[in-house]
């Protein structure tokens, strides 16, 4: 059986990988393009097509967003210019809130890189207040709280978004660290119910299955990760390692 300490290190590595992901939640119910109505938006000085596409997780990414808005990717509207985005009109207020929250997240990220976590915490709290439905600011704040205040503060913070995969991944690691593998796995199952679960969640579930002796389930997940070229290289290497261990075990 794989040593628990080794698996714990691997789970922590998975969490670190997920910190840099640019995934975000969907704005309201959907951010698919619409043709018959448009969402009005006033362009801000620090906006960019990639920034907006990231913040609202829009289908097709920055290039398609720009094109559907009447611009080339290399073109930017003038600050203060009102543009129309290919979103339902009723999303206008939600869009403003999301982008204001996203600017705060961007500012907090820069502060974290300089080591100013105190101000970063304050700004992330403001970002959460501006758009409570968005998991990214809560997720980023939880990583700071986990180091500074411990698991209890993080679990309370993530409770409103516990059903979202990035929050579920952190909660799973907290339960794993406390020795509760069943709760850790239950949190990961939130991610696994998705049609395309994130590879970080798949790898974390496979590690828990491996440690708890559910080698058949673990092997299936490792093979799924190996079959996808989109998985992070570090996760694919982890999958190779544990797939080899499984094969050797069954010789």
Foldseek 3Di string as FASTA:
>chain_A
DDDLVVLLVVLVVLLVVVLPDLAKDAQPPHQEFDDPAWAKDADAPPDALQLLCSLRVHPPGSQVQQVQQPHGNPDDDDHRDITTTRGHHVCRQSSVLSSVLSVLQVVLVVCVVVVNNVVSLVSLVVSCVSPVVMCSSLLVNLVVCCVVPNDVVNCVSCVVVLLDLSSLSVVLSNCVVVPNNVSSLVSLVSQVVDPDRALSSLLSNLSSCVVVVVNVSSLVSLVVQCVDPPHDPVSVVVSVVVNVVSVVVVD
